[in-house]
N, C-alpha and C. Protein backbone atom coordinates (compact mmCIF):
# COMPACT_ATOMS: atom_id res chain seq x y z
N UNK A 1 135.43 -146.31 106.71
CA UNK A 1 134.68 -146.37 107.92
C UNK A 1 135.00 -145.14 108.74
N UNK A 2 133.98 -144.58 109.40
CA UNK A 2 134.14 -143.46 110.30
C UNK A 2 134.09 -143.98 111.74
N UNK A 3 134.90 -143.42 112.62
CA UNK A 3 134.92 -143.89 113.99
C UNK A 3 134.82 -142.76 114.98
N UNK A 4 134.20 -143.06 116.09
CA UNK A 4 134.12 -142.17 117.25
C UNK A 4 134.71 -142.97 118.39
N UNK A 5 135.62 -142.36 119.13
CA UNK A 5 136.24 -143.03 120.29
C UNK A 5 136.32 -142.04 121.45
N UNK A 6 135.81 -142.47 122.59
CA UNK A 6 135.92 -141.69 123.80
C UNK A 6 136.33 -142.64 124.91
N UNK A 7 136.81 -142.10 126.02
CA UNK A 7 137.10 -142.94 127.18
C UNK A 7 136.95 -142.14 128.42
N UNK A 8 136.72 -142.86 129.50
CA UNK A 8 136.55 -142.22 130.80
C UNK A 8 136.88 -143.23 131.89
N UNK A 9 137.31 -142.73 133.03
CA UNK A 9 137.51 -143.56 134.21
C UNK A 9 136.27 -143.40 135.07
N UNK A 10 135.55 -144.48 135.27
CA UNK A 10 134.30 -144.47 136.02
C UNK A 10 134.59 -144.99 137.43
N UNK A 11 134.18 -144.26 138.47
CA UNK A 11 134.50 -144.65 139.82
C UNK A 11 133.60 -145.76 140.38
N UNK A 12 133.59 -146.88 139.70
CA UNK A 12 132.78 -148.03 140.09
C UNK A 12 133.34 -149.28 139.42
N UNK A 13 132.97 -150.42 139.91
CA UNK A 13 133.44 -151.69 139.34
C UNK A 13 132.80 -151.91 137.97
N UNK A 14 133.45 -152.73 137.14
CA UNK A 14 132.81 -153.08 135.86
C UNK A 14 131.42 -153.68 136.04
N UNK A 15 131.22 -154.47 137.10
CA UNK A 15 129.90 -155.05 137.33
C UNK A 15 128.83 -154.00 137.51
N UNK A 16 129.18 -152.92 138.25
CA UNK A 16 128.22 -151.84 138.49
C UNK A 16 127.97 -151.05 137.20
N UNK A 17 129.02 -150.81 136.43
CA UNK A 17 128.85 -150.10 135.16
C UNK A 17 128.00 -150.95 134.21
N UNK A 18 128.23 -152.26 134.22
CA UNK A 18 127.46 -153.16 133.38
C UNK A 18 125.96 -153.08 133.77
N UNK A 19 125.69 -153.02 135.06
CA UNK A 19 124.31 -152.93 135.51
C UNK A 19 123.63 -151.68 134.95
N UNK A 20 124.35 -150.56 134.95
CA UNK A 20 123.79 -149.32 134.38
C UNK A 20 123.58 -149.47 132.88
N UNK A 21 124.60 -149.98 132.21
CA UNK A 21 124.50 -150.09 130.73
C UNK A 21 123.39 -151.04 130.25
N UNK A 22 123.12 -152.05 131.03
CA UNK A 22 122.13 -153.03 130.56
C UNK A 22 120.74 -152.85 131.17
N UNK A 23 120.56 -151.80 131.98
CA UNK A 23 119.23 -151.45 132.44
C UNK A 23 118.60 -150.53 131.39
N UNK A 24 118.28 -151.14 130.27
CA UNK A 24 117.86 -150.35 129.09
C UNK A 24 116.60 -149.55 129.40
N UNK A 25 115.67 -150.07 130.19
CA UNK A 25 114.45 -149.34 130.48
C UNK A 25 114.69 -148.04 131.22
N UNK A 26 115.84 -147.88 131.84
CA UNK A 26 116.17 -146.66 132.60
C UNK A 26 116.88 -145.61 131.74
N UNK A 27 117.24 -145.92 130.52
CA UNK A 27 117.99 -144.95 129.71
C UNK A 27 117.30 -143.59 129.64
N UNK A 28 116.00 -143.58 129.56
CA UNK A 28 115.29 -142.28 129.47
C UNK A 28 115.56 -141.39 130.67
N UNK A 29 115.92 -141.97 131.79
CA UNK A 29 116.14 -141.19 133.00
C UNK A 29 117.53 -140.55 133.06
N UNK A 30 118.48 -141.06 132.28
CA UNK A 30 119.87 -140.55 132.44
C UNK A 30 120.66 -140.38 131.16
N UNK A 31 120.29 -141.03 130.08
CA UNK A 31 121.16 -141.07 128.89
C UNK A 31 120.86 -139.92 127.94
N UNK A 32 121.83 -139.03 127.72
CA UNK A 32 121.58 -137.86 126.85
C UNK A 32 121.68 -138.14 125.37
N UNK A 33 122.10 -139.33 124.98
CA UNK A 33 122.21 -139.71 123.55
C UNK A 33 121.16 -140.73 123.17
N UNK A 34 121.11 -141.81 123.91
CA UNK A 34 120.14 -142.89 123.67
C UNK A 34 118.96 -142.61 124.58
N UNK A 35 117.99 -141.89 124.08
CA UNK A 35 116.89 -141.38 124.88
C UNK A 35 115.91 -142.45 125.31
N UNK A 36 115.87 -143.57 124.60
CA UNK A 36 115.00 -144.67 124.94
C UNK A 36 115.61 -145.96 124.39
N UNK A 37 115.55 -146.99 125.19
CA UNK A 37 115.99 -148.32 124.76
C UNK A 37 115.08 -149.33 125.45
N UNK A 38 114.41 -150.13 124.65
CA UNK A 38 113.49 -151.11 125.22
C UNK A 38 113.84 -152.47 124.66
N UNK A 39 114.26 -153.36 125.55
CA UNK A 39 114.63 -154.73 125.12
C UNK A 39 113.39 -155.48 124.69
N UNK A 40 113.53 -156.19 123.57
CA UNK A 40 112.48 -157.09 123.12
C UNK A 40 112.85 -158.45 123.66
N UNK A 41 112.31 -158.78 124.82
CA UNK A 41 112.69 -160.01 125.50
C UNK A 41 113.90 -159.81 126.40
N UNK A 42 114.49 -160.89 126.77
CA UNK A 42 115.67 -160.87 127.67
C UNK A 42 116.87 -160.29 126.92
N UNK A 43 117.59 -159.31 127.50
CA UNK A 43 118.80 -158.81 126.85
C UNK A 43 119.85 -159.95 126.75
N UNK A 44 120.32 -160.20 125.54
CA UNK A 44 121.28 -161.28 125.27
C UNK A 44 121.88 -161.04 123.90
N UNK A 45 122.95 -161.75 123.64
CA UNK A 45 123.60 -161.69 122.32
C UNK A 45 122.55 -162.06 121.26
N UNK A 46 122.42 -161.20 120.28
CA UNK A 46 121.42 -161.42 119.22
C UNK A 46 120.07 -160.84 119.52
N UNK A 47 119.88 -160.38 120.78
CA UNK A 47 118.62 -159.77 121.17
C UNK A 47 118.41 -158.41 120.47
N UNK A 48 117.18 -157.93 120.52
CA UNK A 48 116.81 -156.70 119.88
C UNK A 48 116.45 -155.63 120.88
N UNK A 49 116.78 -154.38 120.53
CA UNK A 49 116.38 -153.21 121.31
C UNK A 49 115.66 -152.25 120.40
N UNK A 50 114.52 -151.75 120.85
CA UNK A 50 113.86 -150.62 120.17
C UNK A 50 114.47 -149.36 120.77
N UNK A 51 115.07 -148.51 119.99
CA UNK A 51 115.76 -147.34 120.51
C UNK A 51 115.26 -146.05 119.85
N UNK A 52 115.46 -144.97 120.59
CA UNK A 52 115.32 -143.63 120.08
C UNK A 52 116.57 -142.92 120.52
N UNK A 53 117.28 -142.31 119.56
CA UNK A 53 118.51 -141.60 119.91
C UNK A 53 118.58 -140.24 119.21
N UNK A 54 119.37 -139.40 119.82
CA UNK A 54 119.59 -138.05 119.26
C UNK A 54 120.33 -138.20 117.95
N UNK A 55 119.93 -137.39 116.94
CA UNK A 55 120.64 -137.35 115.70
C UNK A 55 121.57 -136.13 115.70
N UNK A 56 122.84 -136.30 116.09
CA UNK A 56 123.71 -135.14 116.19
C UNK A 56 123.94 -134.38 114.89
N UNK A 57 123.71 -135.05 113.77
CA UNK A 57 123.94 -134.37 112.48
C UNK A 57 122.65 -133.74 111.95
N UNK A 58 121.58 -133.87 112.68
CA UNK A 58 120.28 -133.30 112.23
C UNK A 58 120.02 -131.97 112.86
N UNK A 59 118.81 -131.49 112.66
CA UNK A 59 118.35 -130.25 113.25
C UNK A 59 118.31 -130.39 114.76
N UNK A 60 118.46 -129.30 115.53
CA UNK A 60 118.36 -129.42 117.00
C UNK A 60 117.07 -130.13 117.42
N UNK A 61 117.23 -131.13 118.29
CA UNK A 61 116.11 -131.89 118.76
C UNK A 61 115.72 -133.08 117.88
N UNK A 62 116.44 -133.26 116.75
CA UNK A 62 116.11 -134.37 115.85
C UNK A 62 116.49 -135.69 116.51
N UNK A 63 115.63 -136.69 116.34
CA UNK A 63 115.88 -138.04 116.88
C UNK A 63 115.67 -139.05 115.76
N UNK A 64 116.18 -140.23 116.02
CA UNK A 64 116.03 -141.36 115.10
C UNK A 64 115.48 -142.51 115.92
N UNK A 65 114.49 -143.22 115.38
CA UNK A 65 113.98 -144.45 116.00
C UNK A 65 114.48 -145.62 115.20
N UNK A 66 115.00 -146.62 115.89
CA UNK A 66 115.58 -147.76 115.17
C UNK A 66 115.57 -149.01 116.06
N UNK A 67 115.36 -150.14 115.46
CA UNK A 67 115.54 -151.40 116.18
C UNK A 67 116.97 -151.87 115.88
N UNK A 68 117.73 -152.13 116.94
CA UNK A 68 119.12 -152.55 116.81
C UNK A 68 119.27 -153.96 117.36
N UNK A 69 120.37 -154.57 117.02
CA UNK A 69 120.65 -155.94 117.46
C UNK A 69 121.88 -155.92 118.40
N UNK A 70 121.80 -156.61 119.55
CA UNK A 70 122.92 -156.72 120.44
C UNK A 70 123.95 -157.66 119.80
N UNK A 71 125.08 -157.08 119.38
CA UNK A 71 126.08 -157.87 118.67
C UNK A 71 127.26 -158.25 119.56
N UNK A 72 127.38 -157.66 120.70
CA UNK A 72 128.34 -158.07 121.73
C UNK A 72 127.60 -157.97 123.06
N UNK A 73 127.68 -159.05 123.84
CA UNK A 73 127.00 -159.06 125.13
C UNK A 73 127.85 -159.95 126.04
N UNK A 74 128.91 -159.37 126.58
CA UNK A 74 129.89 -160.09 127.42
C UNK A 74 129.81 -159.44 128.81
N UNK A 75 128.96 -159.99 129.73
CA UNK A 75 128.69 -159.34 131.02
C UNK A 75 129.95 -158.86 131.74
N UNK A 76 129.93 -157.57 132.11
CA UNK A 76 131.01 -156.96 132.85
C UNK A 76 132.20 -156.57 132.00
N UNK A 77 132.14 -156.87 130.70
CA UNK A 77 133.30 -156.60 129.86
C UNK A 77 133.00 -155.76 128.60
N UNK A 78 131.97 -156.15 127.86
CA UNK A 78 131.71 -155.45 126.58
C UNK A 78 130.26 -155.57 126.16
N UNK A 79 129.77 -154.47 125.60
CA UNK A 79 128.41 -154.40 125.10
C UNK A 79 128.42 -153.62 123.79
N UNK A 80 127.72 -154.12 122.81
CA UNK A 80 127.59 -153.37 121.54
C UNK A 80 126.29 -153.72 120.89
N UNK A 81 125.76 -152.75 120.15
CA UNK A 81 124.59 -153.02 119.32
C UNK A 81 124.83 -152.42 117.95
N UNK A 82 124.19 -153.02 116.99
CA UNK A 82 124.38 -152.60 115.60
C UNK A 82 122.99 -152.33 115.00
N UNK A 83 122.92 -151.20 114.30
CA UNK A 83 121.73 -150.84 113.56
C UNK A 83 122.12 -150.52 112.16
N UNK A 84 121.21 -150.73 111.19
CA UNK A 84 121.53 -150.48 109.82
C UNK A 84 120.31 -150.15 109.01
N UNK A 85 120.56 -149.40 107.95
CA UNK A 85 119.62 -149.16 106.89
C UNK A 85 120.41 -149.54 105.64
N UNK A 86 120.00 -150.62 104.93
CA UNK A 86 120.81 -151.13 103.82
C UNK A 86 121.35 -150.06 102.91
N UNK A 87 122.64 -150.16 102.64
CA UNK A 87 123.44 -149.26 101.78
C UNK A 87 123.67 -147.87 102.40
N UNK A 88 122.68 -147.35 103.10
CA UNK A 88 122.76 -146.01 103.60
C UNK A 88 123.61 -145.87 104.86
N UNK A 89 123.42 -146.79 105.81
CA UNK A 89 124.08 -146.63 107.11
C UNK A 89 124.18 -147.95 107.85
N UNK A 90 125.31 -148.17 108.47
CA UNK A 90 125.47 -149.24 109.45
C UNK A 90 126.34 -148.67 110.56
N UNK A 91 125.82 -148.77 111.79
CA UNK A 91 126.54 -148.26 112.94
C UNK A 91 126.63 -149.29 114.03
N UNK A 92 127.82 -149.44 114.60
CA UNK A 92 128.06 -150.34 115.73
C UNK A 92 128.46 -149.49 116.92
N UNK A 93 127.54 -149.34 117.89
CA UNK A 93 127.75 -148.54 119.09
C UNK A 93 128.31 -149.49 120.16
N UNK A 94 129.44 -149.16 120.75
CA UNK A 94 130.09 -150.14 121.62
C UNK A 94 130.65 -149.51 122.90
N UNK A 95 130.70 -150.35 123.94
CA UNK A 95 131.28 -150.03 125.24
C UNK A 95 132.22 -151.20 125.64
N UNK A 96 133.42 -150.87 126.10
CA UNK A 96 134.35 -151.86 126.61
C UNK A 96 134.69 -151.46 128.03
N UNK A 97 134.59 -152.37 128.97
CA UNK A 97 134.87 -152.11 130.37
C UNK A 97 136.10 -152.87 130.82
N UNK A 98 137.08 -152.15 131.43
CA UNK A 98 138.30 -152.73 131.90
C UNK A 98 138.54 -152.28 133.32
N UNK A 99 138.75 -153.23 134.25
CA UNK A 99 139.05 -152.82 135.63
C UNK A 99 140.32 -151.95 135.67
N UNK A 100 140.25 -150.88 136.41
CA UNK A 100 141.43 -150.03 136.59
C UNK A 100 141.41 -149.45 138.00
N UNK A 101 142.35 -149.92 138.83
CA UNK A 101 142.34 -149.53 140.25
C UNK A 101 141.01 -149.96 140.84
N UNK A 102 140.32 -149.00 141.51
CA UNK A 102 139.04 -149.31 142.12
C UNK A 102 137.88 -148.91 141.20
N UNK A 103 138.21 -148.60 139.96
CA UNK A 103 137.17 -148.18 139.03
C UNK A 103 137.20 -148.97 137.73
N UNK A 104 136.63 -148.35 136.70
CA UNK A 104 136.52 -149.02 135.41
C UNK A 104 136.95 -148.03 134.33
N UNK A 105 137.82 -148.47 133.44
CA UNK A 105 138.18 -147.72 132.25
C UNK A 105 137.08 -148.04 131.23
N UNK A 106 136.36 -147.03 130.82
CA UNK A 106 135.28 -147.17 129.83
C UNK A 106 135.78 -146.68 128.48
N UNK A 107 135.77 -147.55 127.49
CA UNK A 107 136.01 -147.14 126.11
C UNK A 107 134.65 -147.18 125.45
N UNK A 108 134.28 -146.05 124.82
CA UNK A 108 132.91 -145.91 124.30
C UNK A 108 133.00 -145.26 122.92
N UNK A 109 132.35 -145.83 121.95
CA UNK A 109 132.41 -145.27 120.64
C UNK A 109 131.45 -145.87 119.67
N UNK A 110 131.69 -145.57 118.39
CA UNK A 110 130.86 -146.07 117.31
C UNK A 110 131.70 -146.21 116.05
N UNK A 111 131.41 -147.28 115.31
CA UNK A 111 132.01 -147.49 113.99
C UNK A 111 130.86 -147.35 112.99
N UNK A 112 131.04 -146.49 112.01
CA UNK A 112 129.95 -146.18 111.05
C UNK A 112 130.43 -146.39 109.65
N UNK A 113 129.54 -146.92 108.84
CA UNK A 113 129.82 -147.07 107.42
C UNK A 113 128.56 -146.88 106.62
N UNK A 114 128.70 -146.80 105.32
CA UNK A 114 127.56 -146.58 104.42
C UNK A 114 127.60 -145.17 103.85
N UNK A 115 126.66 -144.91 102.95
CA UNK A 115 126.63 -143.61 102.23
C UNK A 115 126.49 -142.43 103.17
N UNK A 116 125.66 -142.56 104.16
CA UNK A 116 125.48 -141.43 105.11
C UNK A 116 126.76 -141.18 105.88
N UNK A 117 127.37 -142.22 106.38
CA UNK A 117 128.60 -142.10 107.19
C UNK A 117 129.73 -141.45 106.36
N UNK A 118 129.78 -141.82 105.08
CA UNK A 118 130.84 -141.23 104.23
C UNK A 118 130.75 -139.72 104.17
N UNK A 119 129.55 -139.18 104.35
CA UNK A 119 129.38 -137.74 104.28
C UNK A 119 129.82 -136.99 105.52
N UNK A 120 130.15 -137.70 106.60
CA UNK A 120 130.60 -137.04 107.84
C UNK A 120 132.10 -136.77 107.75
N UNK A 121 132.48 -135.51 107.96
CA UNK A 121 133.92 -135.21 108.01
C UNK A 121 134.40 -135.46 109.44
N UNK A 122 135.71 -135.63 109.57
CA UNK A 122 136.29 -135.83 110.89
C UNK A 122 135.95 -134.61 111.78
N UNK A 123 135.97 -133.42 111.22
CA UNK A 123 135.63 -132.21 111.97
C UNK A 123 134.18 -132.27 112.47
N UNK A 124 133.25 -132.72 111.61
CA UNK A 124 131.88 -132.82 112.02
C UNK A 124 131.68 -133.86 113.12
N UNK A 125 132.37 -134.99 113.00
CA UNK A 125 132.27 -136.03 114.05
C UNK A 125 132.76 -135.46 115.39
N UNK A 126 133.89 -134.76 115.38
CA UNK A 126 134.45 -134.20 116.61
C UNK A 126 133.52 -133.10 117.18
N UNK A 127 132.98 -132.26 116.33
CA UNK A 127 132.14 -131.14 116.75
C UNK A 127 130.76 -131.58 117.16
N UNK A 128 130.08 -132.43 116.38
CA UNK A 128 128.68 -132.73 116.62
C UNK A 128 128.42 -134.03 117.37
N UNK A 129 129.24 -135.03 117.19
CA UNK A 129 128.99 -136.34 117.79
C UNK A 129 129.74 -136.56 119.08
N UNK A 130 131.04 -136.32 119.11
CA UNK A 130 131.86 -136.63 120.28
C UNK A 130 131.28 -136.02 121.56
N UNK A 131 130.81 -134.80 121.56
CA UNK A 131 130.26 -134.23 122.82
C UNK A 131 129.10 -135.08 123.40
N UNK A 132 128.30 -135.69 122.55
CA UNK A 132 127.20 -136.55 123.07
C UNK A 132 127.78 -137.81 123.70
N UNK A 133 128.79 -138.40 123.09
CA UNK A 133 129.40 -139.60 123.63
C UNK A 133 130.10 -139.31 124.96
N UNK A 134 130.76 -138.17 125.04
CA UNK A 134 131.39 -137.78 126.29
C UNK A 134 130.35 -137.46 127.36
N UNK A 135 129.20 -136.93 126.97
CA UNK A 135 128.11 -136.67 127.90
C UNK A 135 127.55 -137.98 128.44
N UNK A 136 127.47 -139.00 127.63
CA UNK A 136 127.04 -140.33 128.08
C UNK A 136 128.04 -140.86 129.12
N UNK A 137 129.31 -140.70 128.83
CA UNK A 137 130.36 -141.16 129.81
C UNK A 137 130.15 -140.49 131.16
N UNK A 138 129.94 -139.17 131.14
CA UNK A 138 129.72 -138.45 132.41
C UNK A 138 128.43 -138.93 133.10
N UNK A 139 127.41 -139.14 132.30
CA UNK A 139 126.12 -139.59 132.86
C UNK A 139 126.23 -140.98 133.47
N UNK A 140 127.03 -141.87 132.86
CA UNK A 140 127.26 -143.18 133.45
C UNK A 140 127.95 -143.05 134.81
N UNK A 141 128.98 -142.16 134.87
CA UNK A 141 129.70 -141.93 136.11
C UNK A 141 128.78 -141.44 137.21
N UNK A 142 127.82 -140.58 136.85
CA UNK A 142 126.84 -140.10 137.83
C UNK A 142 125.84 -141.20 138.19
N UNK A 143 125.41 -141.96 137.21
CA UNK A 143 124.36 -142.96 137.43
C UNK A 143 124.87 -144.10 138.33
N UNK A 144 126.10 -144.48 138.23
CA UNK A 144 126.61 -145.61 139.06
C UNK A 144 126.49 -145.26 140.52
N UNK A 145 126.42 -143.97 140.87
CA UNK A 145 126.30 -143.59 142.28
C UNK A 145 124.93 -143.92 142.83
N UNK A 146 123.93 -144.14 141.93
CA UNK A 146 122.56 -144.43 142.38
C UNK A 146 122.23 -145.90 142.35
N UNK A 147 123.15 -146.73 141.81
CA UNK A 147 122.92 -148.17 141.72
C UNK A 147 123.36 -148.81 143.04
N UNK A 148 122.46 -149.62 143.63
CA UNK A 148 122.84 -150.26 144.90
C UNK A 148 123.93 -151.31 144.74
């Protein structure tokens, strides 16, 4: 399995960070990695999202469209979705929110497996993928300032 792990201290409560993370229709306005996320019905455990995300391992500007399943949906604490292409790729993109002082410690990453994931070196993950995940963390920190 290949893993990506990032973390950030967000200057807002877990409830406010949760509001940003689960306002899927707004992703296009702020998210530099997940360019579009549209819930199919009410967001809930087992629910589906139609997504478009940047493919960091592809050509510049390359994107992937995929329907993912919400595999963790614990309001104010944890959110994850999983997408897969049988044998080729399975990815679990996750966020964990922990209160810290007057803010939130955000743990953000992805667990990847399958033939495609095996081809990613640790150097490639650090060079091509991690900067996007860190950019999402910064974007969340900026976005919480606009949430009432």
